[in-house]
Amino acid sequence: MNLQQNSKASRWHTSLAFVFSIFTLGGCAEYPLLSDGVGQVPPHDYIIGPGDNVQITVWRNPEISSSVPVRPDGKITAPLVEDMPASGKTSTQLAREMEKVLAKYVQEPIVTVTVTGFIGPYSEQIRVIGQAARPQALPYRENMTILDVMIIVGGITDFAAGNSASVLRVVDGKPQQFGVRLKDLIKKGDVSANAAMRPGDVLIIPESFF
């Protein structure tokens, strides 16, 4: 695991620990509302993760081209390439590394890697916990919003305190929490309550006590 992966994993574990502390404290604090300008990220290249599938095409060498899954340990095995780390890399980075390995067997190999079955690394998935109809972890997609997430998870339950929901996000290396108005967004169609999601966000939907 490289330094970048270690950093992402560390931020994810810090966020997860913060989530549990929120539930322990009852999650009753109020937070500043989430806006699109909070924790903006540069143009996002897709990062390969466990569970993805990669189509490996070696130009003029169909016999060593293949489609393989990324194993739970983040590695792939393909013809002439065994146990190569793939998780945490872009498709271009993986293709260049495969070319170096295949150069031992093929003259000037040209490799193209295409990702299918997108899941992505855990550190970049969006997690929805609490009173969602279908709580789950989602692969991040460019320009994904809270409304997009709500459509995927089937909205909120009848027991949800939608306007007390919050997003836990790592900003400048520190976990921060922001309020979101899910009830206004879903029940009233208030588009001003929508906001952009970011890789690694955790959407927390508490239960209403009234």
Protein backbone atom coordinates (compact mmCIF):
# COMPACT_ATOMS: atom_id res chain seq x y z
CA MET A 1 0.00 0.00 0.00
CA ASN A 2 1.53 3.34 -1.06
CA LEU A 3 1.51 6.59 0.94
CA GLN A 4 -1.53 7.94 -0.92
CA GLN A 5 -3.52 4.79 -0.14
CA ASN A 6 -2.39 4.89 3.50
CA SER A 7 -3.53 8.52 3.75
CA LYS A 8 -6.95 7.72 2.25
CA ALA A 9 -7.40 4.70 4.52
CA SER A 10 -6.42 6.77 7.55
CA ARG A 11 -8.97 9.48 6.68
CA TRP A 12 -11.65 6.84 6.19
CA HIS A 13 -10.97 5.18 9.56
CA THR A 14 -10.95 8.58 11.26
CA SER A 15 -14.33 9.37 9.70
CA LEU A 16 -15.76 6.03 10.74
CA ALA A 17 -14.62 6.49 14.33
CA PHE A 18 -16.23 9.93 14.33
CA VAL A 19 -19.51 8.44 13.10
CA PHE A 20 -19.65 6.02 16.02
CA SER A 21 -18.92 8.83 18.46
CA ILE A 22 -21.87 10.78 16.99
CA PHE A 23 -24.27 7.91 17.67
CA THR A 24 -22.83 7.48 21.17
CA LEU A 25 -23.50 11.14 21.95
CA GLY A 26 -26.99 10.96 20.52
CA GLY A 27 -26.33 12.99 17.38
CA CYS A 28 -28.43 15.91 18.64
CA ALA A 29 -25.99 18.73 17.85
CA GLU A 30 -26.72 21.20 15.06
CA TYR A 31 -24.25 21.66 12.24
CA PRO A 32 -23.70 24.28 9.54
CA LEU A 33 -25.64 23.42 6.40
CA LEU A 34 -23.72 21.67 3.66
CA SER A 35 -23.03 23.75 0.56
CA ASP A 36 -21.47 22.85 -2.78
CA GLY A 37 -18.30 24.78 -1.93
CA VAL A 38 -17.35 22.64 1.08
CA GLY A 39 -14.38 20.37 0.48
CA GLN A 40 -14.32 20.68 -3.29
CA VAL A 41 -12.15 18.17 -5.11
CA PRO A 42 -10.21 18.58 -8.38
CA PRO A 43 -11.39 16.72 -11.51
CA HIS A 44 -11.76 13.16 -10.34
CA ASP A 45 -10.06 10.22 -12.09
CA TYR A 46 -11.68 6.89 -11.32
CA ILE A 47 -9.66 4.79 -8.89
CA ILE A 48 -9.80 1.00 -9.17
CA GLY A 49 -11.03 -0.90 -6.12
CA PRO A 50 -11.71 -4.47 -4.96
CA GLY A 51 -14.71 -5.96 -6.75
CA ASP A 52 -14.14 -4.04 -9.97
CA ASN A 53 -13.52 -5.90 -13.21
CA VAL A 54 -10.79 -4.84 -15.61
CA GLN A 55 -10.61 -5.59 -19.30
CA ILE A 56 -6.95 -5.92 -20.28
CA THR A 57 -6.22 -5.55 -23.98
CA VAL A 58 -2.69 -6.15 -25.26
CA TRP A 59 -2.37 -4.78 -28.78
CA ARG A 60 -1.72 -7.52 -31.37
CA ASN A 61 -1.63 -10.13 -28.61
CA PRO A 62 -5.21 -11.38 -28.12
CA GLU A 63 -3.97 -14.59 -26.51
CA ILE A 64 -2.80 -12.66 -23.42
CA SER A 65 -5.67 -10.19 -23.38
CA SER A 66 -8.27 -10.95 -20.72
CA SER A 67 -11.01 -9.73 -18.42
CA VAL A 68 -10.24 -10.28 -14.74
CA PRO A 69 -11.73 -9.28 -11.37
CA VAL A 70 -9.91 -7.23 -8.77
CA ARG A 71 -9.66 -9.55 -5.78
CA PRO A 72 -10.58 -8.56 -2.20
CA ASP A 73 -6.85 -8.07 -1.54
CA GLY A 74 -6.75 -5.45 -4.33
CA LYS A 75 -4.66 -7.54 -6.73
CA ILE A 76 -5.26 -9.06 -10.15
CA THR A 77 -3.91 -12.10 -11.93
CA ALA A 78 -3.79 -12.16 -15.72
CA PRO A 79 -1.86 -14.12 -18.37
CA LEU A 80 1.89 -13.65 -17.66
CA VAL A 81 1.06 -11.26 -14.79
CA GLU A 82 0.53 -12.69 -11.31
CA ASP A 83 -0.62 -10.92 -8.16
CA MET A 84 -0.25 -7.36 -9.44
CA PRO A 85 -1.66 -4.64 -7.13
CA ALA A 86 -4.49 -2.83 -8.89
CA SER A 87 -6.53 -1.18 -6.14
CA GLY A 88 -5.82 2.53 -5.67
CA LYS A 89 -4.61 3.03 -9.24
CA THR A 90 -6.16 4.58 -12.32
CA SER A 91 -6.62 2.41 -15.40
CA THR A 92 -3.75 4.27 -17.10
CA GLN A 93 -1.38 3.67 -14.18
CA LEU A 94 -2.23 -0.03 -14.15
CA ALA A 95 -1.74 -0.30 -17.93
CA ARG A 96 1.75 1.25 -17.74
CA GLU A 97 2.78 -1.10 -14.92
CA MET A 98 1.50 -4.12 -16.85
CA GLU A 99 3.53 -3.04 -19.87
CA LYS A 100 6.70 -3.15 -17.74
CA VAL A 101 5.96 -6.70 -16.64
CA LEU A 102 4.91 -7.93 -20.09
CA ALA A 103 8.04 -6.43 -21.66
CA LYS A 104 9.87 -9.51 -20.36
CA TYR A 105 7.80 -11.69 -22.70
CA VAL A 106 6.44 -9.41 -25.45
CA GLN A 107 8.35 -6.93 -27.57
CA GLU A 108 7.16 -3.37 -26.86
CA PRO A 109 3.74 -4.30 -25.44
CA ILE A 110 0.95 -1.74 -25.64
CA VAL A 111 -1.69 -2.31 -22.96
CA THR A 112 -5.11 -0.73 -22.54
CA VAL A 113 -7.08 -1.24 -19.31
CA THR A 114 -10.83 -0.63 -19.23
CA VAL A 115 -12.70 -0.77 -15.94
CA THR A 116 -16.16 -2.37 -15.75
CA GLY A 117 -18.48 -3.22 -12.85
CA PHE A 118 -17.58 -0.03 -10.99
CA ILE A 119 -17.31 -0.28 -7.20
CA GLY A 120 -14.17 1.67 -6.35
CA PRO A 121 -12.00 1.59 -3.22
CA TYR A 122 -13.66 1.78 0.21
CA SER A 123 -12.05 5.15 0.92
CA GLU A 124 -13.99 6.76 -1.96
CA GLN A 125 -17.37 5.11 -1.49
CA ILE A 126 -20.34 7.06 -0.15
CA ARG A 127 -21.97 5.44 2.89
CA VAL A 128 -25.58 5.97 3.86
CA ILE A 129 -26.45 4.86 7.40
CA GLY A 130 -29.46 5.18 9.67
CA GLN A 131 -33.06 5.68 8.55
CA ALA A 132 -32.67 5.26 4.80
CA ALA A 133 -35.00 2.82 3.05
CA ARG A 134 -31.95 0.82 1.93
CA PRO A 135 -28.79 1.86 3.84
CA GLN A 136 -25.72 0.93 1.81
CA ALA A 137 -22.32 1.91 0.45
CA LEU A 138 -22.34 3.46 -3.03
CA PRO A 139 -19.59 3.99 -5.58
CA TYR A 140 -18.90 7.70 -6.04
CA ARG A 141 -19.77 9.16 -9.41
CA GLU A 142 -18.73 12.54 -10.75
CA ASN A 143 -21.22 15.33 -9.97
CA MET A 144 -23.22 13.07 -7.62
CA THR A 145 -25.62 14.99 -5.36
CA ILE A 146 -27.60 14.22 -2.22
CA LEU A 147 -30.71 13.79 -4.39
CA ASP A 148 -28.91 11.20 -6.54
CA VAL A 149 -27.97 9.30 -3.38
CA MET A 150 -31.54 9.44 -2.07
CA ILE A 151 -32.88 7.99 -5.34
CA ILE A 152 -30.46 5.06 -5.11
CA VAL A 153 -31.24 4.25 -1.46
CA GLY A 154 -35.00 4.64 -1.92
CA GLY A 155 -35.44 7.77 0.17
CA ILE A 156 -35.95 7.92 3.94
CA THR A 157 -38.16 5.86 6.24
CA ASP A 158 -41.28 7.08 8.04
CA PHE A 159 -39.22 7.17 11.23
CA ALA A 160 -36.45 9.39 9.86
CA ALA A 161 -35.67 12.86 11.16
CA GLY A 162 -34.87 13.99 7.63
CA ASN A 163 -34.05 17.61 8.42
CA SER A 164 -31.69 16.50 11.20
CA ALA A 165 -29.58 14.43 8.81
CA SER A 166 -25.92 15.26 8.33
CA VAL A 167 -22.94 14.55 6.12
CA LEU A 168 -19.62 13.60 7.65
CA ARG A 169 -16.81 14.77 5.37
CA VAL A 170 -13.03 14.99 5.64
CA VAL A 171 -11.97 18.58 4.85
CA ASP A 172 -8.26 19.43 4.83
CA GLY A 173 -7.51 16.17 6.59
CA LYS A 174 -10.02 16.67 9.42
CA PRO A 175 -13.50 15.15 9.81
CA GLN A 176 -16.26 17.77 9.82
CA GLN A 177 -20.02 17.45 9.97
CA PHE A 178 -22.61 19.42 8.01
CA GLY A 179 -26.40 19.49 8.24
CA VAL A 180 -28.63 18.53 5.31
CA ARG A 181 -32.41 18.97 4.93
CA LEU A 182 -33.53 15.66 3.48
CA LYS A 183 -37.20 16.11 4.39
CA ASP A 184 -37.37 19.47 2.63
CA LEU A 185 -35.59 18.03 -0.40
CA ILE A 186 -37.63 14.83 -0.73
CA LYS A 187 -41.05 15.74 0.67
CA LYS A 188 -41.26 19.39 -0.40
CA GLY A 189 -39.08 19.37 -3.51
CA ASP A 190 -36.90 22.17 -2.18
CA VAL A 191 -33.93 21.99 -4.55
CA SER A 192 -32.03 24.51 -2.43
CA ALA A 193 -31.59 21.63 0.05
CA ASN A 194 -29.61 19.66 -2.54
CA ALA A 195 -25.79 19.69 -2.48
CA ALA A 196 -22.86 17.92 -4.10
CA MET A 197 -21.45 14.77 -2.51
CA ARG A 198 -17.74 14.03 -2.34
CA PRO A 199 -15.74 10.76 -2.34
CA GLY A 200 -15.72 9.23 1.14
CA ASP A 201 -18.79 11.13 2.45
CA VAL A 202 -20.95 9.47 5.12
CA LEU A 203 -24.64 10.46 5.11
CA ILE A 204 -26.16 9.98 8.57
CA ILE A 205 -29.96 9.87 8.89
CA PRO A 206 -31.11 9.79 12.52
CA GLU A 207 -34.40 8.46 13.85
CA SER A 208 -37.08 10.90 14.91
CA PHE A 209 -38.12 10.72 18.55
CA PHE A 210 -41.43 12.56 18.00
